């Protein structure tokens, strides 16, 4: 007997936060319209500008600018959970930003 009741997936109001950093971390910068133009994989080295990859150094620079401008920044892990979340110049996650960047240095690959 077929199940005529569709399955609904509940989407949380708040993003899912996680502390697991892995080599598939992605960077998202949101515009004033509330949308991003796609995530970029974070790598230690990125010789040229790329829509697919961004260097960790450029990510950190973008975060510092976003703290002043109020732009939203999100960094996700391979499971698509937030490992870093900046909104209106305030870091919402993680609790210890300095430790986060140290762990990123260790986990982010040189290249993918």
N, C-alpha and C. Protein backbone atom coordinates (compact mmCIF):
# COMPACT_ATOMS: atom_id res chain seq x y z
N UNK A 1 0.85 -1.18 0.00
CA UNK A 1 0.00 0.00 0.00
C UNK A 1 0.89 1.24 0.00
N UNK A 2 0.67 2.11 -0.93
CA UNK A 2 1.49 3.32 -1.06
C UNK A 2 1.11 4.33 0.01
N UNK A 3 2.10 5.04 0.45
CA UNK A 3 1.87 6.10 1.44
C UNK A 3 1.51 7.38 0.70
N UNK A 4 0.27 7.83 0.88
CA UNK A 4 -0.19 9.04 0.19
C UNK A 4 0.19 10.32 0.91
N UNK A 5 0.76 10.20 2.09
CA UNK A 5 1.15 11.39 2.85
C UNK A 5 2.58 11.79 2.50
N UNK A 6 2.77 12.99 1.97
CA UNK A 6 4.14 13.42 1.65
C UNK A 6 4.95 13.63 2.92
N UNK A 7 6.24 13.44 2.79
CA UNK A 7 7.15 13.67 3.91
C UNK A 7 7.63 15.10 3.85
N UNK A 8 7.51 15.80 4.95
CA UNK A 8 7.96 17.18 5.01
C UNK A 8 9.24 17.26 5.83
N UNK A 9 10.14 18.07 5.36
CA UNK A 9 11.39 18.29 6.08
C UNK A 9 11.30 19.66 6.73
N UNK A 10 11.55 19.68 8.00
CA UNK A 10 11.51 20.94 8.74
C UNK A 10 12.84 21.67 8.57
N UNK A 11 12.80 22.90 8.12
CA UNK A 11 13.99 23.73 7.98
C UNK A 11 14.07 24.64 9.20
N UNK A 12 15.18 24.58 9.93
CA UNK A 12 15.28 25.40 11.14
C UNK A 12 15.31 26.89 10.84
N UNK A 13 14.80 27.69 11.77
CA UNK A 13 14.82 29.14 11.61
C UNK A 13 16.25 29.67 11.66
N UNK A 14 17.06 29.06 12.49
CA UNK A 14 18.47 29.46 12.63
C UNK A 14 19.34 28.43 11.94
N UNK A 15 20.45 28.87 11.35
CA UNK A 15 21.37 27.90 10.72
C UNK A 15 21.92 26.90 11.74
N UNK A 16 22.29 25.73 11.25
CA UNK A 16 22.86 24.70 12.11
C UNK A 16 24.34 25.01 12.32
N UNK A 17 24.75 25.15 13.56
CA UNK A 17 26.13 25.49 13.91
C UNK A 17 26.90 24.22 14.24
N UNK A 18 28.18 24.21 13.87
CA UNK A 18 29.01 23.03 14.09
C UNK A 18 30.44 23.50 14.36
N UNK A 19 31.20 22.72 15.09
CA UNK A 19 32.60 23.04 15.37
C UNK A 19 33.56 22.21 14.53
N UNK A 20 33.03 21.29 13.72
CA UNK A 20 33.88 20.42 12.91
C UNK A 20 34.38 21.16 11.68
N UNK A 21 35.69 21.34 11.61
CA UNK A 21 36.32 21.96 10.44
C UNK A 21 36.97 20.84 9.64
N UNK A 22 36.75 20.86 8.32
CA UNK A 22 37.36 19.85 7.48
C UNK A 22 37.92 20.48 6.21
N UNK A 23 38.46 19.65 5.33
CA UNK A 23 39.11 20.19 4.14
C UNK A 23 38.13 20.69 3.08
N UNK A 24 36.85 20.53 3.32
CA UNK A 24 35.85 20.99 2.37
C UNK A 24 35.15 22.26 2.83
N UNK A 25 35.85 23.08 3.60
CA UNK A 25 35.26 24.34 4.08
C UNK A 25 34.97 25.26 2.90
N UNK A 26 33.81 25.92 2.98
CA UNK A 26 33.40 26.85 1.92
C UNK A 26 33.11 28.22 2.51
N UNK A 27 33.41 29.24 1.74
CA UNK A 27 33.25 30.63 2.12
C UNK A 27 32.09 31.25 1.35
N UNK A 28 31.20 31.94 2.08
CA UNK A 28 30.07 32.63 1.48
C UNK A 28 30.04 34.07 1.97
N UNK A 29 30.03 35.01 1.06
CA UNK A 29 29.88 36.43 1.39
C UNK A 29 28.52 36.88 0.88
N UNK A 30 27.73 37.45 1.77
CA UNK A 30 26.37 37.87 1.41
C UNK A 30 26.34 39.35 1.07
N UNK A 31 25.58 39.69 0.04
CA UNK A 31 25.40 41.08 -0.35
C UNK A 31 24.35 41.75 0.51
N UNK A 32 24.18 43.01 0.29
CA UNK A 32 23.17 43.77 1.05
C UNK A 32 21.75 43.27 0.80
N UNK A 33 21.56 42.58 -0.35
CA UNK A 33 20.25 42.04 -0.67
C UNK A 33 19.94 40.74 0.08
N UNK A 34 20.92 40.24 0.85
CA UNK A 34 20.72 39.03 1.63
C UNK A 34 21.05 37.74 0.90
N UNK A 35 21.58 37.85 -0.30
CA UNK A 35 21.92 36.67 -1.09
C UNK A 35 23.43 36.58 -1.29
N UNK A 36 23.92 35.35 -1.53
CA UNK A 36 25.32 35.16 -1.88
C UNK A 36 25.38 34.69 -3.33
N UNK A 37 26.55 34.79 -3.94
CA UNK A 37 26.68 34.40 -5.35
C UNK A 37 27.35 33.05 -5.50
N UNK A 38 27.35 32.27 -4.45
CA UNK A 38 27.94 30.94 -4.50
C UNK A 38 29.12 30.83 -3.55
N UNK A 39 29.34 29.62 -3.05
CA UNK A 39 30.44 29.40 -2.12
C UNK A 39 31.73 29.08 -2.85
N UNK A 40 32.83 29.34 -2.18
CA UNK A 40 34.15 29.02 -2.71
C UNK A 40 34.85 28.12 -1.71
N UNK A 41 35.52 27.08 -2.23
CA UNK A 41 36.32 26.23 -1.35
C UNK A 41 37.52 27.02 -0.85
N UNK A 42 37.82 26.85 0.44
CA UNK A 42 38.94 27.56 1.05
C UNK A 42 40.19 26.70 0.97
N UNK A 43 41.25 27.27 0.43
CA UNK A 43 42.54 26.59 0.32
C UNK A 43 43.62 27.52 0.85
N UNK A 44 44.77 26.97 1.20
CA UNK A 44 45.85 27.82 1.71
C UNK A 44 46.45 28.68 0.62
N UNK A 45 46.57 28.12 -0.58
CA UNK A 45 47.17 28.84 -1.69
C UNK A 45 46.21 28.87 -2.87
N UNK A 46 46.10 30.03 -3.47
CA UNK A 46 45.27 30.19 -4.66
C UNK A 46 45.98 31.21 -5.54
N UNK A 47 46.65 30.74 -6.58
CA UNK A 47 47.51 31.59 -7.39
C UNK A 47 46.76 32.71 -8.10
N UNK A 48 45.53 32.46 -8.51
CA UNK A 48 44.79 33.47 -9.23
C UNK A 48 43.35 33.53 -8.72
N UNK A 49 42.66 34.58 -9.10
CA UNK A 49 41.26 34.69 -8.70
C UNK A 49 40.46 33.56 -9.33
N UNK A 50 39.58 33.01 -8.56
CA UNK A 50 38.80 31.87 -9.02
C UNK A 50 37.41 31.95 -8.40
N UNK A 51 36.41 31.55 -9.15
CA UNK A 51 35.06 31.51 -8.59
C UNK A 51 34.86 30.25 -7.76
N UNK A 52 35.78 29.28 -7.89
CA UNK A 52 35.63 28.02 -7.17
C UNK A 52 36.46 27.97 -5.89
N UNK A 53 37.61 28.65 -5.88
CA UNK A 53 38.53 28.59 -4.74
C UNK A 53 38.89 29.99 -4.25
N UNK A 54 39.21 30.07 -2.95
CA UNK A 54 39.67 31.32 -2.35
C UNK A 54 40.72 30.97 -1.30
N UNK A 55 41.75 31.79 -1.20
CA UNK A 55 42.80 31.50 -0.22
C UNK A 55 42.34 31.88 1.19
N UNK A 56 42.90 31.20 2.16
CA UNK A 56 42.57 31.48 3.55
C UNK A 56 42.90 32.93 3.90
N UNK A 57 44.00 33.44 3.35
CA UNK A 57 44.37 34.84 3.59
C UNK A 57 43.32 35.81 3.08
N UNK A 58 42.75 35.55 1.91
CA UNK A 58 41.69 36.41 1.37
C UNK A 58 40.41 36.29 2.18
N UNK A 59 40.15 35.10 2.71
CA UNK A 59 38.97 34.92 3.56
C UNK A 59 39.11 35.77 4.81
N UNK A 60 40.27 35.71 5.44
CA UNK A 60 40.48 36.49 6.67
C UNK A 60 40.38 37.98 6.40
N UNK A 61 40.91 38.44 5.26
CA UNK A 61 40.81 39.85 4.90
C UNK A 61 39.35 40.25 4.67
N UNK A 62 38.59 39.39 3.99
CA UNK A 62 37.17 39.67 3.75
C UNK A 62 36.39 39.73 5.05
N UNK A 63 36.73 38.86 5.99
CA UNK A 63 36.06 38.87 7.30
C UNK A 63 36.34 40.18 8.03
N UNK A 64 37.57 40.65 8.01
CA UNK A 64 37.90 41.90 8.69
C UNK A 64 37.15 43.08 8.07
N UNK A 65 37.04 43.10 6.75
CA UNK A 65 36.28 44.17 6.08
C UNK A 65 34.81 44.06 6.44
N UNK A 66 34.28 42.83 6.46
CA UNK A 66 32.86 42.62 6.77
C UNK A 66 32.52 43.02 8.20
N UNK A 67 33.48 42.92 9.10
CA UNK A 67 33.23 43.35 10.48
C UNK A 67 32.94 44.84 10.54
N UNK A 68 33.54 45.61 9.63
CA UNK A 68 33.34 47.06 9.59
C UNK A 68 32.10 47.43 8.79
N UNK A 69 31.89 46.74 7.67
CA UNK A 69 30.78 47.09 6.78
C UNK A 69 29.45 46.46 7.18
N UNK A 70 29.49 45.44 8.04
CA UNK A 70 28.26 44.77 8.46
C UNK A 70 27.79 43.68 7.52
N UNK A 71 28.62 43.34 6.54
CA UNK A 71 28.29 42.27 5.60
C UNK A 71 28.23 40.93 6.33
N UNK A 72 27.34 40.06 5.90
CA UNK A 72 27.26 38.73 6.50
C UNK A 72 28.25 37.79 5.82
N UNK A 73 28.99 37.02 6.63
CA UNK A 73 29.94 36.03 6.15
C UNK A 73 29.58 34.70 6.80
N UNK A 74 29.61 33.66 6.00
CA UNK A 74 29.41 32.31 6.51
C UNK A 74 30.51 31.40 5.98
N UNK A 75 31.01 30.53 6.85
CA UNK A 75 31.93 29.48 6.45
C UNK A 75 31.29 28.17 6.88
N UNK A 76 31.19 27.24 5.94
CA UNK A 76 30.57 25.96 6.24
C UNK A 76 31.59 24.83 6.10
N UNK A 77 31.27 23.69 6.70
CA UNK A 77 32.12 22.52 6.54
C UNK A 77 31.53 21.64 5.44
N UNK A 78 32.12 20.47 5.24
CA UNK A 78 31.67 19.55 4.20
C UNK A 78 30.25 19.05 4.39
N UNK A 79 29.74 19.13 5.60
CA UNK A 79 28.36 18.74 5.88
C UNK A 79 27.39 19.89 5.68
N UNK A 80 27.90 21.05 5.25
CA UNK A 80 27.12 22.26 5.01
C UNK A 80 26.57 22.89 6.30
N UNK A 81 27.24 22.63 7.43
CA UNK A 81 26.88 23.27 8.68
C UNK A 81 27.81 24.46 8.90
N UNK A 82 27.31 25.47 9.57
CA UNK A 82 28.12 26.67 9.81
C UNK A 82 29.21 26.44 10.84
N UNK A 83 30.43 26.74 10.45
CA UNK A 83 31.54 26.71 11.40
C UNK A 83 31.95 28.13 11.78
N UNK A 84 31.55 29.11 10.94
CA UNK A 84 31.82 30.52 11.23
C UNK A 84 30.64 31.32 10.70
N UNK A 85 30.17 32.27 11.54
CA UNK A 85 29.01 33.07 11.15
C UNK A 85 29.19 34.48 11.68
N UNK A 86 29.28 35.43 10.76
CA UNK A 86 29.43 36.85 11.09
C UNK A 86 28.21 37.59 10.57
N UNK A 87 27.53 38.32 11.44
CA UNK A 87 26.34 39.09 11.07
C UNK A 87 26.43 40.47 11.71
N UNK A 88 26.23 41.50 10.89
CA UNK A 88 26.23 42.88 11.38
C UNK A 88 27.48 43.21 12.20
N UNK A 89 28.61 42.69 11.79
CA UNK A 89 29.87 42.98 12.48
C UNK A 89 30.12 42.16 13.73
N UNK A 90 29.21 41.27 14.06
CA UNK A 90 29.33 40.45 15.27
C UNK A 90 29.51 38.98 14.92
N UNK A 91 30.47 38.34 15.55
CA UNK A 91 30.69 36.92 15.34
C UNK A 91 29.67 36.16 16.18
N UNK A 92 28.75 35.46 15.50
CA UNK A 92 27.73 34.68 16.20
C UNK A 92 28.25 33.29 16.54
N UNK A 93 29.17 32.79 15.73
CA UNK A 93 29.77 31.47 15.94
C UNK A 93 31.10 31.45 15.22
N UNK A 94 32.15 30.94 15.77
CA UNK A 94 32.29 30.20 17.02
C UNK A 94 32.48 31.14 18.21
N UNK A 95 32.47 30.56 19.40
CA UNK A 95 32.67 31.36 20.61
C UNK A 95 34.09 31.89 20.70
N UNK A 96 35.06 31.11 20.24
CA UNK A 96 36.47 31.51 20.30
C UNK A 96 36.99 31.67 18.87
N UNK A 97 36.98 32.89 18.38
CA UNK A 97 37.37 33.15 16.99
C UNK A 97 38.86 32.86 16.76
N UNK A 98 39.70 33.21 17.70
CA UNK A 98 41.13 32.99 17.55
C UNK A 98 41.44 31.50 17.38
N UNK A 99 40.80 30.68 18.19
CA UNK A 99 40.99 29.23 18.10
C UNK A 99 40.47 28.70 16.75
N UNK A 100 39.37 29.27 16.29
CA UNK A 100 38.82 28.87 14.99
C UNK A 100 39.85 29.05 13.88
N UNK A 101 40.49 30.22 13.82
CA UNK A 101 41.46 30.48 12.75
C UNK A 101 42.69 29.57 12.87
N UNK A 102 43.09 29.24 14.07
CA UNK A 102 44.20 28.29 14.25
C UNK A 102 43.83 26.92 13.69
N UNK A 103 42.61 26.49 13.97
CA UNK A 103 42.15 25.19 13.48
C UNK A 103 41.98 25.20 11.96
N UNK A 104 41.55 26.34 11.41
CA UNK A 104 41.44 26.46 9.95
C UNK A 104 42.80 26.29 9.30
N UNK A 105 43.82 26.92 9.87
CA UNK A 105 45.18 26.79 9.33
C UNK A 105 45.62 25.33 9.27
N UNK A 106 45.22 24.56 10.27
CA UNK A 106 45.60 23.15 10.32
C UNK A 106 44.80 22.28 9.36
N UNK A 107 43.53 22.58 9.18
CA UNK A 107 42.63 21.69 8.43
C UNK A 107 42.50 22.01 6.95
N UNK A 108 42.63 23.29 6.59
CA UNK A 108 42.40 23.68 5.20
C UNK A 108 43.55 23.15 4.34
N UNK A 109 43.23 22.52 3.20
CA UNK A 109 44.29 21.97 2.36
C UNK A 109 45.06 23.04 1.60
N UNK A 110 46.25 22.70 1.18
CA UNK A 110 47.02 23.63 0.35
C UNK A 110 46.29 23.87 -0.95
N UNK A 111 45.83 22.80 -1.55
CA UNK A 111 45.01 22.86 -2.77
C UNK A 111 44.02 21.70 -2.73
N UNK A 112 42.93 21.83 -3.45
CA UNK A 112 41.98 20.72 -3.58
C UNK A 112 42.16 20.06 -4.93
